[in-house]
């Protein structure tokens, strides 16, 4: 079940896309979706909960240009697939700067739409092999791919999620994250650290090097951690 959003200020165009999704679903029995419609950027951005798989985004919305809306979306959600709706192909190049998947030209034709939806479904089927993690605190709501996380630690009763580019502070406990991520090669090396085995570079005695960070390996978890690491590096995931 895909969550799809259409952000389009022209009611006729929004209805046209809605009908094309319906037609595409009738031709592909394994395709199912939930659909939300917006005609302004600000209400959409205010309500967005990083829960969409696909966003059709009109490049020219009265209250905010689509490109600016896309940039704000990317600050919250780096996973949602964006397809711009435009009358000018020149916007396709600029779309790469916000990680747009593709664009469709107005007036939208079903043949073109269907081809793009085929690509979307193929891409999403591969993405869904991985996982995403919703992170929420008083400053923001966003979604990150767990593959970007290098390790997670406990610090002063908070959870710190480390990625290649930032540290995200969360509420919660490490055990809950361990349970969520156990199926995607995350393993505890101590009471304080949950490690993405993908980023382990070396184990030196009682420490492990994870993406340039030296983390402690406790005696009680050492055997289990090294066993999981050996299976991961050997390809038995």
C-alpha atoms as a PDB file:
ATOM      1  CA  UNK A   1       0.000   0.000   0.000  1.00  0.00           C
ATOM      2  CA  UNK A   2       1.596   3.268  -1.163  1.00  0.00           C
ATOM      3  CA  UNK A   3       0.894   6.628   0.442  1.00  0.00           C
ATOM      4  CA  UNK A   4       0.609   9.172  -2.374  1.00  0.00           C
ATOM      5  CA  UNK A   5       0.147  12.943  -2.152  1.00  0.00           C
ATOM      6  CA  UNK A   6      -0.793  15.332  -4.953  1.00  0.00           C
ATOM      7  CA  UNK A   7       0.071  18.997  -4.376  1.00  0.00           C
ATOM      8  CA  UNK A   8      -1.592  20.826  -7.260  1.00  0.00           C
ATOM      9  CA  UNK A   9      -3.533  24.096  -7.150  1.00  0.00           C
ATOM     10  CA  UNK A  10      -5.520  23.470 -10.334  1.00  0.00           C
ATOM     11  CA  UNK A  11      -8.489  21.284  -9.470  1.00  0.00           C
ATOM     12  CA  UNK A  12      -8.758  19.966 -13.039  1.00  0.00           C
ATOM     13  CA  UNK A  13      -5.133  18.811 -13.076  1.00  0.00           C
ATOM     14  CA  UNK A  14      -5.434  17.244  -9.621  1.00  0.00           C
ATOM     15  CA  UNK A  15      -8.526  15.333 -10.710  1.00  0.00           C
ATOM     16  CA  UNK A  16      -6.740  14.233 -13.893  1.00  0.00           C
ATOM     17  CA  UNK A  17      -3.875  12.756 -11.875  1.00  0.00           C
ATOM     18  CA  UNK A  18      -6.327  11.116  -9.468  1.00  0.00           C
ATOM     19  CA  UNK A  19      -8.120   9.418 -12.353  1.00  0.00           C
ATOM     20  CA  UNK A  20      -4.822   8.266 -13.860  1.00  0.00           C
ATOM     21  CA  UNK A  21      -3.833   6.659 -10.567  1.00  0.00           C
ATOM     22  CA  UNK A  22      -7.190   4.905 -10.500  1.00  0.00           C
ATOM     23  CA  UNK A  23      -6.729   3.720 -14.094  1.00  0.00           C
ATOM     24  CA  UNK A  24      -3.191   2.549 -13.357  1.00  0.00           C
ATOM     25  CA  UNK A  25      -4.487   0.599 -10.359  1.00  0.00           C
ATOM     26  CA  UNK A  26      -7.161  -1.072 -12.479  1.00  0.00           C
ATOM     27  CA  UNK A  27      -4.467  -2.244 -14.898  1.00  0.00           C
ATOM     28  CA  UNK A  28      -2.110  -3.444 -12.121  1.00  0.00           C
ATOM     29  CA  UNK A  29      -4.004  -5.553  -9.591  1.00  0.00           C
ATOM     30  CA  UNK A  30      -1.087  -5.612  -7.125  1.00  0.00           C
ATOM     31  CA  UNK A  31      -1.030  -1.805  -6.968  1.00  0.00           C
ATOM     32  CA  UNK A  32      -2.884  -0.228  -4.041  1.00  0.00           C
ATOM     33  CA  UNK A  33      -2.610   3.235  -2.544  1.00  0.00           C
ATOM     34  CA  UNK A  34      -3.918   5.906  -0.200  1.00  0.00           C
ATOM     35  CA  UNK A  35      -4.266   9.374  -1.707  1.00  0.00           C
ATOM     36  CA  UNK A  36      -4.291  12.870  -0.202  1.00  0.00           C
ATOM     37  CA  UNK A  37      -4.838  16.083  -2.161  1.00  0.00           C
ATOM     38  CA  UNK A  38      -3.528  19.575  -1.359  1.00  0.00           C
ATOM     39  CA  UNK A  39      -3.845  22.806  -3.331  1.00  0.00           C
ATOM     40  CA  UNK A  40      -1.441  24.911  -1.224  1.00  0.00           C
ATOM     41  CA  UNK A  41       2.104  24.270   0.011  1.00  0.00           C
ATOM     42  CA  UNK A  42       1.904  25.733   3.519  1.00  0.00           C
ATOM     43  CA  UNK A  43      -0.974  23.544   4.790  1.00  0.00           C
ATOM     44  CA  UNK A  44       0.754  20.521   3.291  1.00  0.00           C
ATOM     45  CA  UNK A  45       4.115  21.316   4.914  1.00  0.00           C
ATOM     46  CA  UNK A  46       2.416  22.026   8.239  1.00  0.00           C
ATOM     47  CA  UNK A  47       0.573  18.710   8.247  1.00  0.00           C
ATOM     48  CA  UNK A  48       3.228  16.501   6.645  1.00  0.00           C
ATOM     49  CA  UNK A  49       4.320  13.632   8.885  1.00  0.00           C
ATOM     50  CA  UNK A  50       7.017  12.084   6.671  1.00  0.00           C
ATOM     51  CA  UNK A  51       4.698   9.227   5.816  1.00  0.00           C
ATOM     52  CA  UNK A  52       4.409   9.548   2.020  1.00  0.00           C
ATOM     53  CA  UNK A  53       6.037   7.265  -0.535  1.00  0.00           C
ATOM     54  CA  UNK A  54       5.320   9.434  -3.578  1.00  0.00           C
ATOM     55  CA  UNK A  55       4.605  13.141  -4.007  1.00  0.00           C
ATOM     56  CA  UNK A  56       3.316  14.735  -7.207  1.00  0.00           C
ATOM     57  CA  UNK A  57       4.339  18.373  -6.813  1.00  0.00           C
ATOM     58  CA  UNK A  58       3.182  21.215  -9.045  1.00  0.00           C
ATOM     59  CA  UNK A  59       6.136  23.455  -9.807  1.00  0.00           C
ATOM     60  CA  UNK A  60       4.036  26.632  -9.481  1.00  0.00           C
ATOM     61  CA  UNK A  61       1.823  26.852  -6.395  1.00  0.00           C
ATOM     62  CA  UNK A  62       0.445  30.319  -5.535  1.00  0.00           C
ATOM     63  CA  UNK A  63       1.664  30.399  -1.940  1.00  0.00           C
ATOM     64  CA  UNK A  64       5.143  28.911  -2.557  1.00  0.00           C
ATOM     65  CA  UNK A  65       7.115  27.760  -5.580  1.00  0.00           C
ATOM     66  CA  UNK A  66       7.249  23.996  -5.829  1.00  0.00           C
ATOM     67  CA  UNK A  67      11.041  23.992  -5.812  1.00  0.00           C
ATOM     68  CA  UNK A  68      11.114  25.770  -2.443  1.00  0.00           C
ATOM     69  CA  UNK A  69       8.478  23.400  -1.095  1.00  0.00           C
ATOM     70  CA  UNK A  70      10.628  20.478  -2.260  1.00  0.00           C
ATOM     71  CA  UNK A  71      13.659  21.889  -0.426  1.00  0.00           C
ATOM     72  CA  UNK A  72      11.654  22.120   2.790  1.00  0.00           C
ATOM     73  CA  UNK A  73      10.371  18.593   2.321  1.00  0.00           C
ATOM     74  CA  UNK A  74      13.933  17.331   1.906  1.00  0.00           C
ATOM     75  CA  UNK A  75      14.879  18.895   5.241  1.00  0.00           C
ATOM     76  CA  UNK A  76      12.295  16.605   6.844  1.00  0.00           C
ATOM     77  CA  UNK A  77      12.233  13.563   4.592  1.00  0.00           C
ATOM     78  CA  UNK A  78      15.003  12.319   2.293  1.00  0.00           C
ATOM     79  CA  UNK A  79      13.107   9.212   1.239  1.00  0.00           C
ATOM     80  CA  UNK A  80       9.840  10.342  -0.369  1.00  0.00           C
ATOM     81  CA  UNK A  81       9.927  10.203  -4.182  1.00  0.00           C
ATOM     82  CA  UNK A  82       9.098  13.549  -5.792  1.00  0.00           C
ATOM     83  CA  UNK A  83       7.685  13.907  -9.292  1.00  0.00           C
ATOM     84  CA  UNK A  84       7.308  17.497 -10.464  1.00  0.00           C
ATOM     85  CA  UNK A  85       4.282  18.540 -12.502  1.00  0.00           C
ATOM     86  CA  UNK A  86       5.295  21.280 -14.899  1.00  0.00           C
ATOM     87  CA  UNK A  87       4.723  22.865 -18.293  1.00  0.00           C
ATOM     88  CA  UNK A  88       8.431  23.549 -18.831  1.00  0.00           C
ATOM     89  CA  UNK A  89      11.176  20.933 -19.139  1.00  0.00           C
ATOM     90  CA  UNK A  90      13.764  23.457 -17.884  1.00  0.00           C
ATOM     91  CA  UNK A  91      12.631  22.731 -14.320  1.00  0.00           C
ATOM     92  CA  UNK A  92      13.679  19.099 -14.679  1.00  0.00           C
ATOM     93  CA  UNK A  93      17.366  20.004 -14.373  1.00  0.00           C
ATOM     94  CA  UNK A  94      16.822  22.123 -11.269  1.00  0.00           C
ATOM     95  CA  UNK A  95      14.840  19.256  -9.795  1.00  0.00           C
ATOM     96  CA  UNK A  96      17.988  17.198  -9.390  1.00  0.00           C
ATOM     97  CA  UNK A  97      19.146  19.630  -6.685  1.00  0.00           C
ATOM     98  CA  UNK A  98      16.293  18.450  -4.451  1.00  0.00           C
ATOM     99  CA  UNK A  99      16.550  14.805  -5.399  1.00  0.00           C
ATOM    100  CA  UNK A 100      13.463  14.779  -7.613  1.00  0.00           C
ATOM    101  CA  UNK A 101      12.769  11.379  -9.133  1.00  0.00           C
ATOM    102  CA  UNK A 102      11.216  12.623 -12.363  1.00  0.00           C
ATOM    103  CA  UNK A 103       8.772  15.103 -13.871  1.00  0.00           C
ATOM    104  CA  UNK A 104       5.613  14.983 -15.954  1.00  0.00           C
ATOM    105  CA  UNK A 105       4.569  17.622 -18.447  1.00  0.00           C
ATOM    106  CA  UNK A 106       1.147  19.222 -18.509  1.00  0.00           C
ATOM    107  CA  UNK A 107      -1.218  18.191 -19.909  1.00  0.00           C
ATOM    108  CA  UNK A 108      -0.381  14.781 -18.443  1.00  0.00           C
ATOM    109  CA  UNK A 109      -0.893  11.840 -20.799  1.00  0.00           C
ATOM    110  CA  UNK A 110      -1.679   8.409 -19.398  1.00  0.00           C
ATOM    111  CA  UNK A 111       0.921   6.587 -21.497  1.00  0.00           C
ATOM    112  CA  UNK A 112       3.709   8.757 -20.094  1.00  0.00           C
ATOM    113  CA  UNK A 113       2.225   8.606 -16.609  1.00  0.00           C
ATOM    114  CA  UNK A 114       2.025   4.812 -16.692  1.00  0.00           C
ATOM    115  CA  UNK A 115       5.691   4.441 -17.685  1.00  0.00           C
ATOM    116  CA  UNK A 116       6.766   6.675 -14.827  1.00  0.00           C
ATOM    117  CA  UNK A 117       4.585   4.781 -12.358  1.00  0.00           C
ATOM    118  CA  UNK A 118       6.187   1.524 -13.491  1.00  0.00           C
ATOM    119  CA  UNK A 119       9.574   3.021 -12.583  1.00  0.00           C
ATOM    120  CA  UNK A 120       8.271   4.327  -9.273  1.00  0.00           C
ATOM    121  CA  UNK A 121       6.933   0.922  -8.257  1.00  0.00           C
ATOM    122  CA  UNK A 122      10.177  -0.827  -9.202  1.00  0.00           C
ATOM    123  CA  UNK A 123      12.236   1.675  -7.209  1.00  0.00           C
ATOM    124  CA  UNK A 124       9.983   1.539  -4.163  1.00  0.00           C
ATOM    125  CA  UNK A 125      10.006  -2.261  -4.144  1.00  0.00           C
ATOM    126  CA  UNK A 126      13.810  -2.106  -3.823  1.00  0.00           C
ATOM    127  CA  UNK A 127      13.722   0.656  -1.205  1.00  0.00           C
ATOM    128  CA  UNK A 128      11.282  -1.246   0.960  1.00  0.00           C
ATOM    129  CA  UNK A 129      13.877  -3.964   1.496  1.00  0.00           C
ATOM    130  CA  UNK A 130      15.481  -1.414   3.786  1.00  0.00           C
ATOM    131  CA  UNK A 131      13.791   0.465   6.633  1.00  0.00           C
ATOM    132  CA  UNK A 132      13.078   4.002   7.631  1.00  0.00           C
ATOM    133  CA  UNK A 133      12.980   5.461  11.106  1.00  0.00           C
ATOM    134  CA  UNK A 134      10.659   8.269  12.180  1.00  0.00           C
ATOM    135  CA  UNK A 135      12.398  10.740  14.464  1.00  0.00           C
ATOM    136  CA  UNK A 136      10.378  13.299  16.371  1.00  0.00           C
ATOM    137  CA  UNK A 137      11.280  15.864  18.978  1.00  0.00           C
ATOM    138  CA  UNK A 138      10.152  19.365  19.891  1.00  0.00           C
ATOM    139  CA  UNK A 139      12.108  20.890  16.995  1.00  0.00           C
ATOM    140  CA  UNK A 140      11.087  18.668  14.069  1.00  0.00           C
ATOM    141  CA  UNK A 141       9.487  15.568  12.609  1.00  0.00           C
ATOM    142  CA  UNK A 142      11.404  13.726   9.939  1.00  0.00           C
ATOM    143  CA  UNK A 143      12.224  10.327   8.506  1.00  0.00           C
ATOM    144  CA  UNK A 144      15.668   8.867   7.854  1.00  0.00           C
ATOM    145  CA  UNK A 145      16.807   5.675   6.199  1.00  0.00           C
ATOM    146  CA  UNK A 146      18.307   3.375   8.815  1.00  0.00           C
ATOM    147  CA  UNK A 147      21.145   2.627   6.412  1.00  0.00           C
ATOM    148  CA  UNK A 148      22.407   6.179   7.070  1.00  0.00           C
ATOM    149  CA  UNK A 149      22.742   5.526  10.813  1.00  0.00           C
ATOM    150  CA  UNK A 150      26.258   4.583  11.935  1.00  0.00           C
ATOM    151  CA  UNK A 151      25.456   3.918  15.599  1.00  0.00           C
ATOM    152  CA  UNK A 152      23.041   4.877  18.368  1.00  0.00           C
ATOM    153  CA  UNK A 153      24.074   5.699  21.923  1.00  0.00           C
ATOM    154  CA  UNK A 154      22.592   6.495  25.310  1.00  0.00           C
ATOM    155  CA  UNK A 155      23.667   9.818  26.820  1.00  0.00           C
ATOM    156  CA  UNK A 156      22.144  11.319  29.984  1.00  0.00           C
ATOM    157  CA  UNK A 157      18.876   9.415  29.510  1.00  0.00           C
ATOM    158  CA  UNK A 158      18.621  10.629  25.886  1.00  0.00           C
ATOM    159  CA  UNK A 159      19.171   8.690  22.673  1.00  0.00           C
ATOM    160  CA  UNK A 160      21.728  10.077  20.214  1.00  0.00           C
ATOM    161  CA  UNK A 161      21.372   8.824  16.638  1.00  0.00           C
ATOM    162  CA  UNK A 162      24.653   9.245  14.768  1.00  0.00           C
ATOM    163  CA  UNK A 163      24.705   9.550  10.980  1.00  0.00           C
ATOM    164  CA  UNK A 164      27.473  10.470   8.577  1.00  0.00           C
ATOM    165  CA  UNK A 165      26.545  14.150   8.780  1.00  0.00           C
ATOM    166  CA  UNK A 166      24.760  14.819  12.074  1.00  0.00           C
ATOM    167  CA  UNK A 167      23.697  13.689  15.527  1.00  0.00           C
ATOM    168  CA  UNK A 168      19.953  13.548  16.211  1.00  0.00           C
ATOM    169  CA  UNK A 169      18.779  13.670  19.832  1.00  0.00           C
ATOM    170  CA  UNK A 170      15.728  11.586  20.689  1.00  0.00           C
ATOM    171  CA  UNK A 171      13.706  10.406  23.646  1.00  0.00           C
ATOM    172  CA  UNK A 172      13.384   6.725  24.393  1.00  0.00           C
ATOM    173  CA  UNK A 173      15.575   3.807  25.375  1.00  0.00           C
ATOM    174  CA  UNK A 174      18.173   1.768  23.539  1.00  0.00           C
ATOM    175  CA  UNK A 175      16.302  -1.498  23.956  1.00  0.00           C
ATOM    176  CA  UNK A 176      13.372  -0.267  21.874  1.00  0.00           C
ATOM    177  CA  UNK A 177      15.735   0.711  19.044  1.00  0.00           C
ATOM    178  CA  UNK A 178      17.513  -2.633  19.342  1.00  0.00           C
ATOM    179  CA  UNK A 179      14.189  -4.413  18.834  1.00  0.00           C
ATOM    180  CA  UNK A 180      13.209  -2.209  15.883  1.00  0.00           C
ATOM    181  CA  UNK A 181      16.547  -2.609  14.107  1.00  0.00           C
ATOM    182  CA  UNK A 182      17.507  -6.189  14.928  1.00  0.00           C
ATOM    183  CA  UNK A 183      16.549  -7.367  11.435  1.00  0.00           C
ATOM    184  CA  UNK A 184      18.810  -4.853   9.659  1.00  0.00           C
ATOM    185  CA  UNK A 185      22.267  -5.661  11.090  1.00  0.00           C
ATOM    186  CA  UNK A 186      22.226  -3.444  14.201  1.00  0.00           C
ATOM    187  CA  UNK A 187      23.842  -5.110  17.237  1.00  0.00           C
ATOM    188  CA  UNK A 188      24.606  -3.951  20.784  1.00  0.00           C
ATOM    189  CA  UNK A 189      28.305  -3.892  21.673  1.00  0.00           C
ATOM    190  CA  UNK A 190      27.669  -2.583  25.194  1.00  0.00           C
ATOM    191  CA  UNK A 191      24.928  -1.174  27.377  1.00  0.00           C
ATOM    192  CA  UNK A 192      25.512   2.229  25.784  1.00  0.00           C
ATOM    193  CA  UNK A 193      25.950   1.545  22.052  1.00  0.00           C
ATOM    194  CA  UNK A 194      23.901  -0.022  19.258  1.00  0.00           C
ATOM    195  CA  UNK A 195      26.071  -0.403  16.155  1.00  0.00           C
ATOM    196  CA  UNK A 196      25.310  -0.635  12.441  1.00  0.00           C
ATOM    197  CA  UNK A 197      27.653  -3.451  11.413  1.00  0.00           C
ATOM    198  CA  UNK A 198      28.011  -1.927   7.969  1.00  0.00           C
ATOM    199  CA  UNK A 199      30.188   0.846   9.430  1.00  0.00           C
ATOM    200  CA  UNK A 200      32.468  -1.308  11.609  1.00  0.00           C
ATOM    201  CA  UNK A 201      36.067  -0.808  10.460  1.00  0.00           C
ATOM    202  CA  UNK A 202      38.024  -2.701  13.120  1.00  0.00           C
ATOM    203  CA  UNK A 203      37.832  -4.376  16.513  1.00  0.00           C
ATOM    204  CA  UNK A 204      40.766  -3.733  18.822  1.00  0.00           C
ATOM    205  CA  UNK A 205      40.577  -5.598  22.087  1.00  0.00           C
ATOM    206  CA  UNK A 206      37.748  -4.045  24.071  1.00  0.00           C
ATOM    207  CA  UNK A 207      36.923  -1.351  21.495  1.00  0.00           C
ATOM    208  CA  UNK A 208      35.336  -1.224  18.052  1.00  0.00           C
ATOM    209  CA  UNK A 209      35.954   1.451  15.409  1.00  0.00           C
ATOM    210  CA  UNK A 210      32.672   2.593  13.875  1.00  0.00           C
ATOM    211  CA  UNK A 211      32.946   5.243  11.179  1.00  0.00           C
ATOM    212  CA  UNK A 212      35.897   6.903  12.915  1.00  0.00           C
ATOM    213  CA  UNK A 213      34.488   6.589  16.444  1.00  0.00           C
ATOM    214  CA  UNK A 214      36.060   4.311  19.066  1.00  0.00           C
ATOM    215  CA  UNK A 215      33.311   2.602  21.069  1.00  0.00           C
ATOM    216  CA  UNK A 216      33.661   0.244  24.008  1.00  0.00           C
ATOM    217  CA  UNK A 217      32.785  -3.450  23.757  1.00  0.00           C
ATOM    218  CA  UNK A 218      31.638  -4.909  27.065  1.00  0.00           C
ATOM    219  CA  UNK A 219      32.761  -8.348  28.215  1.00  0.00           C
ATOM    220  CA  UNK A 220      29.171  -9.531  28.510  1.00  0.00           C
ATOM    221  CA  UNK A 221      28.331  -8.642  24.888  1.00  0.00           C
ATOM    222  CA  UNK A 222      31.681  -9.289  23.227  1.00  0.00           C
ATOM    223  CA  UNK A 223      31.028 -12.884  22.088  1.00  0.00           C
ATOM    224  CA  UNK A 224      27.588 -12.141  20.659  1.00  0.00           C
ATOM    225  CA  UNK A 225      28.805  -8.965  18.967  1.00  0.00           C
ATOM    226  CA  UNK A 226      31.837 -10.622  17.342  1.00  0.00           C
ATOM    227  CA  UNK A 227      29.708 -13.530  16.171  1.00  0.00           C
ATOM    228  CA  UNK A 228      27.170 -11.189  14.556  1.00  0.00           C
ATOM    229  CA  UNK A 229      29.977  -9.190  12.961  1.00  0.00           C
ATOM    230  CA  UNK A 230      31.612 -12.317  11.535  1.00  0.00           C
ATOM    231  CA  UNK A 231      28.309 -13.465  10.011  1.00  0.00           C
ATOM    232  CA  UNK A 232      27.702 -10.014   8.549  1.00  0.00           C
ATOM    233  CA  UNK A 233      31.162  -9.689   7.013  1.00  0.00           C
ATOM    234  CA  UNK A 234      30.888 -13.222   5.708  1.00  0.00           C
ATOM    235  CA  UNK A 235      27.651 -12.419   3.941  1.00  0.00           C
ATOM    236  CA  UNK A 236      25.241 -14.365   6.136  1.00  0.00           C
ATOM    237  CA  UNK A 237      22.840 -11.525   6.918  1.00  0.00           C
END
